[in-house]
Amino acid sequence: MPEKQLSLSNLSPAQARKDRKRVGRGLGSGKGRYSGRGIKGQKARAGSHKMRAGFEGGQMPSYMRMGKQRGSTSKDAMPIGPFRTYTQPVNVGALAAFDAGTEVTPELLKERGLIRSLRKDVKILGNGDLGTKLTVVAHAVSATAREKIEGAGGTVTLLREAKQRKAKKRPGPAKDVEPELGETAGDEKQPEGEG
């Protein structure tokens, strides 16, 4: 079948044209009186769908009505909150991959991919077994990890002094109250009007 000769009389668009929606043009427009917005109210106004997350129309939002969460998970929990220090854990079992006599430092752990950053402290934990003699240099070490490292003939060097835990004061027996000045322990005040 021969192709049609292109001329002004047979031009047509490649895709069917669709008229744009013309809202707010009265009752005869096909979009009705309110242009699909319903009757008055916040959602009939411009910009009503651009409210920030958590906005409740001006009333006190739920995140302000609820009590603040206490504990180490909350920024409101001072002085822990945002100032809490974090450590990167490395288990003793992961140190077994090093050759005997190696000095295991945070830099070496970073090189081997066992920790992500040198800016955070490294703490050696006691999960796993260790059979090689290593010199471990870290910021902190658990008691179990120290026991396993030293049990294998290695040594532990801390980059930061371990914090001494304060002993809890237990209530002891009540102490005898000393008599006030001018009184002796045996003196008793005599009631007025006697003697």
N, C-alpha and C. Protein backbone atom coordinates (compact mmCIF):
# COMPACT_ATOMS: atom_id res chain seq x y z
N MET A 1 0.85 -1.19 0.00
CA MET A 1 0.00 0.00 0.00
C MET A 1 0.89 1.24 0.00
N PRO A 2 0.69 2.11 -0.95
CA PRO A 2 1.57 3.30 -1.01
C PRO A 2 1.31 4.25 0.15
N GLU A 3 2.41 4.88 0.63
CA GLU A 3 2.27 5.82 1.74
C GLU A 3 1.52 7.06 1.29
N LYS A 4 0.78 7.64 2.26
CA LYS A 4 0.05 8.87 1.96
C LYS A 4 1.03 10.01 1.78
N GLN A 5 0.73 10.86 0.87
CA GLN A 5 1.53 12.07 0.68
C GLN A 5 1.24 13.01 1.84
N LEU A 6 2.30 13.45 2.53
CA LEU A 6 2.11 14.34 3.69
C LEU A 6 1.74 15.73 3.21
N SER A 7 0.62 16.21 3.73
CA SER A 7 0.20 17.56 3.38
C SER A 7 -0.50 18.18 4.57
N LEU A 8 -0.78 19.48 4.49
CA LEU A 8 -1.42 20.18 5.59
C LEU A 8 -2.80 19.60 5.89
N SER A 9 -3.43 18.97 4.94
CA SER A 9 -4.77 18.46 5.14
C SER A 9 -4.81 17.16 5.93
N ASN A 10 -3.69 16.42 5.93
CA ASN A 10 -3.70 15.14 6.66
C ASN A 10 -2.70 15.09 7.81
N LEU A 11 -2.22 16.25 8.31
CA LEU A 11 -1.33 16.28 9.48
C LEU A 11 -2.11 15.89 10.73
N SER A 12 -1.50 15.10 11.58
CA SER A 12 -2.12 14.74 12.87
C SER A 12 -1.01 14.52 13.89
N PRO A 13 -1.29 14.76 15.17
CA PRO A 13 -0.25 14.57 16.20
C PRO A 13 0.09 13.09 16.36
N ALA A 14 1.31 12.82 16.82
CA ALA A 14 1.76 11.44 17.02
C ALA A 14 0.94 10.76 18.12
N GLN A 15 0.56 11.51 19.14
CA GLN A 15 -0.26 10.97 20.22
C GLN A 15 -1.53 11.80 20.33
N ALA A 16 -2.59 11.18 20.81
CA ALA A 16 -3.85 11.89 20.96
C ALA A 16 -3.66 13.04 21.94
N ARG A 17 -4.13 14.17 21.60
CA ARG A 17 -4.00 15.34 22.48
C ARG A 17 -5.05 15.28 23.57
N LYS A 18 -4.63 15.68 24.78
CA LYS A 18 -5.55 15.69 25.91
C LYS A 18 -5.57 17.10 26.47
N ASP A 19 -6.75 17.66 26.52
CA ASP A 19 -6.86 19.01 27.05
C ASP A 19 -6.50 19.03 28.52
N ARG A 20 -5.82 20.08 28.95
CA ARG A 20 -5.48 20.19 30.37
C ARG A 20 -6.72 20.48 31.19
N LYS A 21 -6.65 20.09 32.43
CA LYS A 21 -7.79 20.26 33.33
C LYS A 21 -7.91 21.74 33.71
N ARG A 22 -9.03 22.33 33.40
CA ARG A 22 -9.23 23.75 33.72
C ARG A 22 -10.21 23.84 34.87
N VAL A 23 -9.67 23.95 36.08
CA VAL A 23 -10.54 24.00 37.26
C VAL A 23 -10.88 25.45 37.58
N GLY A 24 -11.93 25.61 38.34
CA GLY A 24 -12.32 26.94 38.76
C GLY A 24 -12.92 27.75 37.63
N ARG A 25 -13.65 27.11 36.71
CA ARG A 25 -14.23 27.82 35.58
C ARG A 25 -15.76 27.72 35.58
N GLY A 26 -16.34 27.51 36.77
CA GLY A 26 -17.79 27.55 36.88
C GLY A 26 -18.46 26.19 36.74
N LEU A 27 -19.78 26.22 36.86
CA LEU A 27 -20.56 24.99 36.90
C LEU A 27 -20.56 24.26 35.57
N GLY A 28 -20.36 24.95 34.48
CA GLY A 28 -20.39 24.29 33.18
C GLY A 28 -19.06 23.71 32.76
N SER A 29 -18.07 23.80 33.59
CA SER A 29 -16.73 23.34 33.20
C SER A 29 -16.56 21.84 33.30
N GLY A 30 -17.50 21.18 33.97
CA GLY A 30 -17.35 19.73 34.18
C GLY A 30 -16.66 19.40 35.48
N LYS A 31 -16.10 20.41 36.15
CA LYS A 31 -15.44 20.18 37.44
C LYS A 31 -16.29 20.69 38.59
N GLY A 32 -17.48 21.22 38.30
CA GLY A 32 -18.39 21.56 39.37
C GLY A 32 -18.07 22.86 40.07
N ARG A 33 -18.84 23.08 41.12
CA ARG A 33 -18.79 24.36 41.82
C ARG A 33 -17.50 24.56 42.60
N TYR A 34 -17.00 23.46 43.18
CA TYR A 34 -15.83 23.61 44.07
C TYR A 34 -14.54 23.07 43.46
N SER A 35 -14.57 22.71 42.19
CA SER A 35 -13.37 22.27 41.46
C SER A 35 -12.69 21.06 42.10
N GLY A 36 -13.47 20.17 42.67
CA GLY A 36 -12.91 18.96 43.25
C GLY A 36 -12.29 19.12 44.61
N ARG A 37 -12.43 20.31 45.23
CA ARG A 37 -11.80 20.55 46.54
C ARG A 37 -12.77 20.35 47.70
N GLY A 38 -14.03 20.12 47.40
CA GLY A 38 -14.99 20.02 48.50
C GLY A 38 -15.35 21.39 49.02
N ILE A 39 -16.09 21.40 50.15
CA ILE A 39 -16.51 22.68 50.72
C ILE A 39 -15.36 23.25 51.57
N LYS A 40 -15.60 24.41 52.13
CA LYS A 40 -14.55 25.18 52.84
C LYS A 40 -13.77 24.35 53.86
N GLY A 41 -12.61 24.82 54.19
CA GLY A 41 -11.78 24.17 55.20
C GLY A 41 -10.33 24.27 54.81
N GLN A 42 -9.49 23.75 55.69
CA GLN A 42 -8.04 23.87 55.47
C GLN A 42 -7.62 23.24 54.15
N LYS A 43 -8.20 22.08 53.82
CA LYS A 43 -7.76 21.37 52.62
C LYS A 43 -8.33 21.96 51.33
N ALA A 44 -9.18 22.97 51.45
CA ALA A 44 -9.66 23.66 50.26
C ALA A 44 -8.77 24.84 49.91
N ARG A 45 -7.77 25.10 50.77
CA ARG A 45 -6.91 26.28 50.57
C ARG A 45 -5.61 25.89 49.86
N ALA A 46 -5.00 26.89 49.28
CA ALA A 46 -3.70 26.66 48.63
C ALA A 46 -2.64 26.36 49.68
N GLY A 47 -1.72 25.47 49.34
CA GLY A 47 -0.62 25.16 50.25
C GLY A 47 -0.99 24.23 51.38
N SER A 48 -2.23 23.67 51.35
CA SER A 48 -2.66 22.84 52.47
C SER A 48 -1.98 21.48 52.49
N HIS A 49 -1.37 21.07 51.39
CA HIS A 49 -0.72 19.76 51.35
C HIS A 49 0.79 19.87 51.51
N LYS A 50 1.26 21.00 51.99
CA LYS A 50 2.70 21.21 52.17
C LYS A 50 3.04 21.43 53.64
N MET A 51 2.25 20.81 54.53
CA MET A 51 2.50 20.97 55.96
C MET A 51 3.66 20.07 56.38
N ARG A 52 4.42 20.51 57.35
CA ARG A 52 5.57 19.73 57.80
C ARG A 52 5.10 18.47 58.53
N ALA A 53 5.97 17.51 58.61
CA ALA A 53 5.66 16.26 59.30
C ALA A 53 5.43 16.54 60.78
N GLY A 54 4.37 15.98 61.33
CA GLY A 54 4.06 16.17 62.74
C GLY A 54 3.19 17.36 63.02
N PHE A 55 2.83 18.17 62.00
CA PHE A 55 1.97 19.33 62.20
C PHE A 55 0.54 18.85 62.42
N GLU A 56 -0.11 19.35 63.46
CA GLU A 56 -1.45 18.89 63.81
C GLU A 56 -2.45 20.05 63.80
N GLY A 57 -2.28 20.95 62.85
CA GLY A 57 -3.27 22.01 62.69
C GLY A 57 -3.16 23.10 63.73
N GLY A 58 -2.06 23.19 64.42
CA GLY A 58 -1.89 24.24 65.41
C GLY A 58 -2.04 23.76 66.83
N GLN A 59 -2.68 22.60 67.03
CA GLN A 59 -2.76 22.09 68.40
C GLN A 59 -1.40 21.53 68.81
N MET A 60 -1.23 21.34 70.10
CA MET A 60 0.04 20.84 70.62
C MET A 60 0.35 19.47 70.01
N PRO A 61 1.43 19.33 69.25
CA PRO A 61 1.70 18.05 68.58
C PRO A 61 2.06 16.95 69.57
N SER A 62 1.87 15.72 69.14
CA SER A 62 2.03 14.57 70.03
C SER A 62 3.45 14.47 70.58
N TYR A 63 4.46 14.83 69.76
CA TYR A 63 5.83 14.70 70.25
C TYR A 63 6.15 15.71 71.35
N MET A 64 5.31 16.75 71.48
CA MET A 64 5.50 17.69 72.58
C MET A 64 4.59 17.36 73.75
N ARG A 65 3.48 16.65 73.48
CA ARG A 65 2.57 16.27 74.56
C ARG A 65 3.12 15.14 75.39
N MET A 66 3.86 14.24 74.76
CA MET A 66 4.35 13.06 75.48
C MET A 66 5.55 13.41 76.36
N GLY A 67 5.73 12.62 77.41
CA GLY A 67 6.87 12.83 78.29
C GLY A 67 8.17 12.49 77.58
N LYS A 68 9.23 13.11 78.00
CA LYS A 68 10.53 12.85 77.39
C LYS A 68 11.05 11.49 77.85
N GLN A 69 11.67 10.78 76.94
CA GLN A 69 12.20 9.46 77.26
C GLN A 69 13.53 9.61 77.99
N ARG A 70 13.61 9.00 79.13
CA ARG A 70 14.84 9.06 79.91
C ARG A 70 15.72 7.86 79.61
N GLY A 71 16.96 7.99 79.86
CA GLY A 71 17.87 6.88 79.65
C GLY A 71 18.88 7.20 78.57
N SER A 72 19.74 6.24 78.29
CA SER A 72 20.87 6.47 77.40
C SER A 72 20.46 6.60 75.95
N THR A 73 19.18 6.33 75.63
CA THR A 73 18.75 6.39 74.24
C THR A 73 18.22 7.76 73.87
N SER A 74 18.12 8.68 74.84
CA SER A 74 17.46 9.95 74.58
C SER A 74 18.44 11.10 74.68
N LYS A 75 18.28 12.10 73.79
CA LYS A 75 19.12 13.28 73.86
C LYS A 75 18.77 14.14 75.06
N ASP A 76 17.58 13.89 75.63
CA ASP A 76 17.17 14.66 76.81
C ASP A 76 17.80 14.10 78.09
N ALA A 77 18.40 12.93 77.98
CA ALA A 77 18.94 12.27 79.17
C ALA A 77 20.35 12.77 79.43
N MET A 78 20.47 13.94 79.98
CA MET A 78 21.79 14.46 80.31
C MET A 78 22.28 13.78 81.58
N PRO A 79 23.55 13.59 81.80
CA PRO A 79 24.62 13.99 80.88
C PRO A 79 25.01 12.88 79.91
N ILE A 80 24.18 11.82 79.81
CA ILE A 80 24.57 10.72 78.93
C ILE A 80 24.29 11.14 77.49
N GLY A 81 23.01 11.13 77.11
CA GLY A 81 22.50 11.52 75.82
C GLY A 81 23.51 11.76 74.72
N PRO A 82 23.59 12.99 74.21
CA PRO A 82 24.47 13.24 73.07
C PRO A 82 25.95 13.21 73.42
N PHE A 83 26.28 13.21 74.72
CA PHE A 83 27.69 13.25 75.12
C PHE A 83 28.20 11.86 75.50
N ARG A 84 27.40 10.84 75.22
CA ARG A 84 27.81 9.49 75.57
C ARG A 84 28.99 9.07 74.70
N THR A 85 29.93 8.36 75.27
CA THR A 85 31.08 7.89 74.51
C THR A 85 30.79 6.48 74.00
N TYR A 86 31.21 6.19 72.78
CA TYR A 86 30.98 4.88 72.18
C TYR A 86 32.31 4.19 71.94
N THR A 87 32.30 2.88 72.07
CA THR A 87 33.50 2.10 71.80
C THR A 87 33.22 1.11 70.68
N GLN A 88 34.27 0.76 69.96
CA GLN A 88 34.16 -0.24 68.90
C GLN A 88 34.61 -1.58 69.47
N PRO A 89 33.72 -2.57 69.50
CA PRO A 89 34.10 -3.85 70.09
C PRO A 89 34.88 -4.74 69.12
N VAL A 90 35.89 -5.41 69.64
CA VAL A 90 36.62 -6.43 68.87
C VAL A 90 36.77 -7.63 69.80
N ASN A 91 36.29 -8.79 69.37
CA ASN A 91 36.36 -9.97 70.21
C ASN A 91 37.72 -10.65 70.12
N VAL A 92 38.05 -11.36 71.19
CA VAL A 92 39.33 -12.08 71.25
C VAL A 92 39.43 -13.09 70.11
N GLY A 93 38.29 -13.69 69.74
CA GLY A 93 38.30 -14.68 68.66
C GLY A 93 38.79 -14.11 67.34
N ALA A 94 38.54 -12.79 67.11
CA ALA A 94 38.99 -12.16 65.87
C ALA A 94 40.49 -11.94 65.87
N LEU A 95 41.11 -11.88 67.07
CA LEU A 95 42.55 -11.66 67.16
C LEU A 95 43.34 -12.93 66.84
N ALA A 96 42.65 -14.08 66.81
CA ALA A 96 43.34 -15.34 66.54
C ALA A 96 43.89 -15.39 65.11
N ALA A 97 43.41 -14.50 64.24
CA ALA A 97 43.88 -14.48 62.85
C ALA A 97 45.29 -13.89 62.72
N PHE A 98 45.75 -13.19 63.77
CA PHE A 98 47.09 -12.58 63.71
C PHE A 98 48.16 -13.60 64.06
N ASP A 99 49.35 -13.40 63.48
CA ASP A 99 50.47 -14.30 63.77
C ASP A 99 51.00 -14.05 65.17
N ALA A 100 51.63 -15.08 65.74
CA ALA A 100 52.18 -14.97 67.08
C ALA A 100 53.26 -13.89 67.12
N GLY A 101 53.27 -13.11 68.21
CA GLY A 101 54.25 -12.05 68.38
C GLY A 101 53.84 -10.72 67.77
N THR A 102 52.68 -10.67 67.11
CA THR A 102 52.23 -9.43 66.48
C THR A 102 51.76 -8.42 67.53
N GLU A 103 52.10 -7.16 67.29
CA GLU A 103 51.56 -6.08 68.15
C GLU A 103 50.27 -5.58 67.50
N VAL A 104 49.16 -5.89 68.16
CA VAL A 104 47.84 -5.55 67.62
C VAL A 104 47.46 -4.16 68.11
N THR A 105 47.43 -3.19 67.20
CA THR A 105 47.10 -1.80 67.54
C THR A 105 45.80 -1.42 66.81
N PRO A 106 45.16 -0.31 67.21
CA PRO A 106 43.97 0.14 66.47
C PRO A 106 44.24 0.36 64.98
N GLU A 107 45.44 0.84 64.65
CA GLU A 107 45.78 1.06 63.24
C GLU A 107 45.78 -0.26 62.45
N LEU A 108 46.32 -1.31 63.08
CA LEU A 108 46.35 -2.62 62.43
C LEU A 108 44.95 -3.20 62.30
N LEU A 109 44.13 -2.99 63.32
CA LEU A 109 42.73 -3.47 63.27
C LEU A 109 41.97 -2.77 62.16
N LYS A 110 42.24 -1.47 61.97
CA LYS A 110 41.59 -0.71 60.89
C LYS A 110 42.05 -1.23 59.53
N GLU A 111 43.34 -1.52 59.43
CA GLU A 111 43.91 -2.02 58.17
C GLU A 111 43.29 -3.37 57.78
N ARG A 112 43.03 -4.22 58.79
CA ARG A 112 42.45 -5.54 58.53
C ARG A 112 40.93 -5.49 58.40
N GLY A 113 40.32 -4.32 58.63
CA GLY A 113 38.87 -4.20 58.48
C GLY A 113 38.07 -4.65 59.69
N LEU A 114 38.72 -4.78 60.85
CA LEU A 114 38.00 -5.20 62.05
C LEU A 114 37.31 -4.04 62.75
N ILE A 115 37.78 -2.82 62.51
CA ILE A 115 37.10 -1.62 63.02
C ILE A 115 36.95 -0.64 61.87
N ARG A 116 36.03 0.31 62.04
CA ARG A 116 35.75 1.25 60.95
C ARG A 116 36.53 2.56 61.08
N SER A 117 36.72 3.01 62.32
CA SER A 117 37.29 4.35 62.49
C SER A 117 38.36 4.34 63.58
N LEU A 118 39.33 5.24 63.42
CA LEU A 118 40.36 5.41 64.46
C LEU A 118 39.97 6.50 65.45
N ARG A 119 38.85 7.18 65.16
CA ARG A 119 38.43 8.28 66.05
C ARG A 119 37.66 7.79 67.26
N LYS A 120 37.16 6.53 67.20
CA LYS A 120 36.43 5.97 68.34
C LYS A 120 37.32 4.98 69.08
N ASP A 121 37.08 4.87 70.38
CA ASP A 121 37.87 3.96 71.20
C ASP A 121 37.62 2.51 70.81
N VAL A 122 38.63 1.67 71.03
CA VAL A 122 38.53 0.24 70.75
C VAL A 122 38.52 -0.51 72.08
N LYS A 123 37.55 -1.42 72.22
CA LYS A 123 37.49 -2.25 73.43
C LYS A 123 37.56 -3.71 73.02
N ILE A 124 38.46 -4.46 73.66
CA ILE A 124 38.62 -5.88 73.37
C ILE A 124 37.70 -6.65 74.31
N LEU A 125 36.84 -7.48 73.71
CA LEU A 125 35.88 -8.29 74.48
C LEU A 125 36.29 -9.75 74.44
N GLY A 126 35.72 -10.53 75.36
CA GLY A 126 36.22 -11.89 75.60
C GLY A 126 35.54 -13.02 74.87
N ASN A 127 34.78 -12.75 73.82
CA ASN A 127 34.09 -13.83 73.10
C ASN A 127 35.06 -14.53 72.15
N GLY A 128 35.16 -15.83 72.23
CA GLY A 128 36.04 -16.58 71.35
C GLY A 128 37.28 -17.10 72.09
N ASP A 129 38.11 -17.82 71.36
CA ASP A 129 39.32 -18.42 71.94
C ASP A 129 40.55 -17.84 71.27
N LEU A 130 41.64 -17.79 72.04
CA LEU A 130 42.90 -17.26 71.54
C LEU A 130 44.03 -18.19 71.96
N GLY A 131 44.81 -18.64 70.99
CA GLY A 131 45.90 -19.55 71.31
C GLY A 131 47.27 -19.00 70.95
N THR A 132 47.31 -17.75 70.41
CA THR A 132 48.59 -17.18 70.00
C THR A 132 49.00 -16.06 70.95
N LYS A 133 50.31 -15.89 71.08
CA LYS A 133 50.85 -14.86 71.96
C LYS A 133 50.86 -13.53 71.22
N LEU A 134 50.11 -12.55 71.74
CA LEU A 134 49.99 -11.25 71.08
C LEU A 134 50.23 -10.12 72.08
N THR A 135 50.68 -9.00 71.57
CA THR A 135 50.75 -7.77 72.35
C THR A 135 49.60 -6.90 71.89
N VAL A 136 48.60 -6.73 72.74
CA VAL A 136 47.37 -6.03 72.36
C VAL A 136 47.40 -4.62 72.93
N VAL A 137 47.24 -3.63 72.06
CA VAL A 137 47.19 -2.22 72.47
C VAL A 137 45.80 -1.71 72.13
N ALA A 138 45.03 -1.32 73.16
CA ALA A 138 43.66 -0.84 72.94
C ALA A 138 43.30 0.16 74.02
N HIS A 139 42.14 0.78 73.86
CA HIS A 139 41.69 1.77 74.84
C HIS A 139 41.11 1.13 76.09
N ALA A 140 40.47 -0.04 75.92
CA ALA A 140 39.86 -0.72 77.05
C ALA A 140 39.83 -2.21 76.76
N VAL A 141 39.74 -3.01 77.81
CA VAL A 141 39.70 -4.47 77.65
C VAL A 141 38.86 -5.03 78.78
N SER A 142 38.04 -6.02 78.46
CA SER A 142 37.22 -6.64 79.49
C SER A 142 38.07 -7.62 80.30
N ALA A 143 37.57 -7.98 81.49
CA ALA A 143 38.33 -8.87 82.37
C ALA A 143 38.52 -10.24 81.71
N THR A 144 37.49 -10.74 81.02
CA THR A 144 37.59 -12.05 80.37
C THR A 144 38.61 -12.01 79.24
N ALA A 145 38.59 -10.91 78.46
CA ALA A 145 39.53 -10.79 77.35
C ALA A 145 40.97 -10.72 77.87
N ARG A 146 41.18 -9.95 78.94
CA ARG A 146 42.53 -9.86 79.52
C ARG A 146 43.02 -11.23 79.99
N GLU A 147 42.11 -11.97 80.59
CA GLU A 147 42.46 -13.29 81.10
C GLU A 147 42.88 -14.23 79.95
N LYS A 148 42.16 -14.16 78.83
CA LYS A 148 42.47 -15.04 77.70
C LYS A 148 43.76 -14.63 77.00
N ILE A 149 43.97 -13.31 76.87
CA ILE A 149 45.20 -12.84 76.21
C ILE A 149 46.43 -13.20 77.03
N GLU A 150 46.35 -12.93 78.34
CA GLU A 150 47.49 -13.23 79.21
C GLU A 150 47.66 -14.74 79.39
N GLY A 151 46.54 -15.48 79.32
CA GLY A 151 46.61 -16.94 79.41
C GLY A 151 47.35 -17.56 78.23
N ALA A 152 47.30 -16.86 77.07
CA ALA A 152 48.01 -17.34 75.88
C ALA A 152 49.44 -16.83 75.85
N GLY A 153 49.87 -16.11 76.90
CA GLY A 153 51.24 -15.62 76.98
C GLY A 153 51.42 -14.21 76.48
N GLY A 154 50.33 -13.55 76.11
CA GLY A 154 50.43 -12.19 75.59
C GLY A 154 50.32 -11.13 76.67
N THR A 155 50.37 -9.87 76.23
CA THR A 155 50.27 -8.75 77.17
C THR A 155 49.23 -7.76 76.65
N VAL A 156 48.71 -6.97 77.58
CA VAL A 156 47.71 -5.95 77.25
C VAL A 156 48.23 -4.60 77.67
N THR A 157 48.18 -3.62 76.76
CA THR A 157 48.56 -2.24 77.06
C THR A 157 47.36 -1.34 76.79
N LEU A 158 46.99 -0.55 77.79
CA LEU A 158 45.83 0.34 77.64
C LEU A 158 46.27 1.72 77.19
N LEU A 159 45.58 2.27 76.21
CA LEU A 159 45.86 3.62 75.73
C LEU A 159 45.20 4.68 76.62
N ARG A 160 44.27 4.24 77.43
CA ARG A 160 43.59 5.16 78.36
C ARG A 160 43.44 4.45 79.69
N GLU A 161 43.70 5.19 80.75
CA GLU A 161 43.61 4.60 82.08
C GLU A 161 42.18 4.15 82.35
N ALA A 162 42.05 2.96 82.92
CA ALA A 162 40.72 2.44 83.25
C ALA A 162 40.12 3.26 84.39
N LYS A 163 38.83 3.56 84.26
CA LYS A 163 38.14 4.33 85.32
C LYS A 163 37.90 3.44 86.53
N GLN A 164 38.20 4.01 87.68
CA GLN A 164 37.96 3.28 88.92
C GLN A 164 36.49 3.43 89.30
N ARG A 165 35.84 2.30 89.50
CA ARG A 165 34.44 2.37 89.91
C ARG A 165 34.35 2.70 91.39
N LYS A 166 33.42 3.59 91.70
CA LYS A 166 33.23 3.96 93.09
C LYS A 166 32.48 2.85 93.82
N ALA A 167 32.99 2.51 95.00
CA ALA A 167 32.32 1.48 95.79
C ALA A 167 31.03 2.05 96.37
N LYS A 168 29.98 1.26 96.30
CA LYS A 168 28.70 1.73 96.84
C LYS A 168 28.75 1.71 98.36
N LYS A 169 28.25 2.77 98.96
CA LYS A 169 28.23 2.85 100.41
C LYS A 169 27.05 2.07 100.93
N ARG A 170 27.35 1.13 101.82
CA ARG A 170 26.27 0.36 102.43
C ARG A 170 25.96 0.95 103.80
N PRO A 171 24.68 1.01 104.14
CA PRO A 171 24.34 1.56 105.46
C PRO A 171 24.89 0.68 106.58
N GLY A 172 25.66 1.29 107.48
CA GLY A 172 26.25 0.54 108.59
C GLY A 172 25.41 0.70 109.85
N PRO A 173 25.92 0.18 110.96
CA PRO A 173 25.18 0.32 112.22
C PRO A 173 25.13 1.79 112.64
N ALA A 174 24.04 2.15 113.32
CA ALA A 174 23.86 3.54 113.75
C ALA A 174 24.94 3.91 114.77
N LYS A 175 25.55 5.06 114.56
CA LYS A 175 26.61 5.51 115.48
C LYS A 175 25.97 6.23 116.67
N ASP A 176 26.67 6.12 117.83
CA ASP A 176 26.17 6.83 119.02
C ASP A 176 26.32 8.32 118.80
N VAL A 177 25.27 9.05 119.17
CA VAL A 177 25.30 10.50 119.03
C VAL A 177 26.01 11.10 120.23
N GLU A 178 27.00 11.95 119.95
CA GLU A 178 27.75 12.55 121.05
C GLU A 178 26.90 13.63 121.72
N PRO A 179 27.00 13.77 123.02
CA PRO A 179 26.22 14.80 123.72
C PRO A 179 26.69 16.19 123.32
N GLU A 180 25.77 17.15 123.34
CA GLU A 180 26.10 18.52 122.99
C GLU A 180 27.00 19.13 124.05
N LEU A 181 27.67 20.22 123.68
CA LEU A 181 28.56 20.89 124.63
C LEU A 181 27.75 21.39 125.83
N GLY A 182 28.34 21.27 127.01
CA GLY A 182 27.67 21.73 128.22
C GLY A 182 26.82 20.66 128.86
N GLU A 183 26.67 19.52 128.19
CA GLU A 183 25.90 18.43 128.77
C GLU A 183 26.80 17.22 128.90
N THR A 184 26.52 16.41 129.87
CA THR A 184 27.23 15.15 129.99
C THR A 184 26.26 14.04 129.67
N ALA A 185 26.82 12.92 129.36
CA ALA A 185 25.97 11.81 128.92
C ALA A 185 25.01 11.37 130.02
N GLY A 186 25.43 11.53 131.27
CA GLY A 186 24.56 11.05 132.36
C GLY A 186 23.55 12.07 132.84
N ASP A 187 23.75 13.35 132.47
CA ASP A 187 22.83 14.40 132.94
C ASP A 187 21.48 14.26 132.26
N GLU A 188 20.45 14.48 133.01
CA GLU A 188 19.11 14.52 132.44
C GLU A 188 18.47 15.81 132.87
N LYS A 189 17.76 16.42 131.96
CA LYS A 189 17.10 17.67 132.31
C LYS A 189 15.95 17.38 133.27
N GLN A 190 15.94 18.20 134.31
CA GLN A 190 14.86 18.02 135.29
C GLN A 190 13.68 18.87 134.89
N PRO A 191 12.47 18.35 135.02
CA PRO A 191 11.31 19.17 134.68
C PRO A 191 11.22 20.40 135.57
N GLU A 192 10.67 21.47 135.02
CA GLU A 192 10.56 22.73 135.76
C GLU A 192 9.61 22.58 136.94
N GLY A 193 9.94 23.32 138.00
CA GLY A 193 9.07 23.32 139.18
C GLY A 193 9.46 22.28 140.20
N GLU A 194 10.39 21.38 139.89
CA GLU A 194 10.83 20.37 140.86
C GLU A 194 12.20 20.75 141.39
N GLY A 195 12.50 20.32 142.62
CA GLY A 195 13.81 20.55 143.24
C GLY A 195 13.90 21.97 143.64
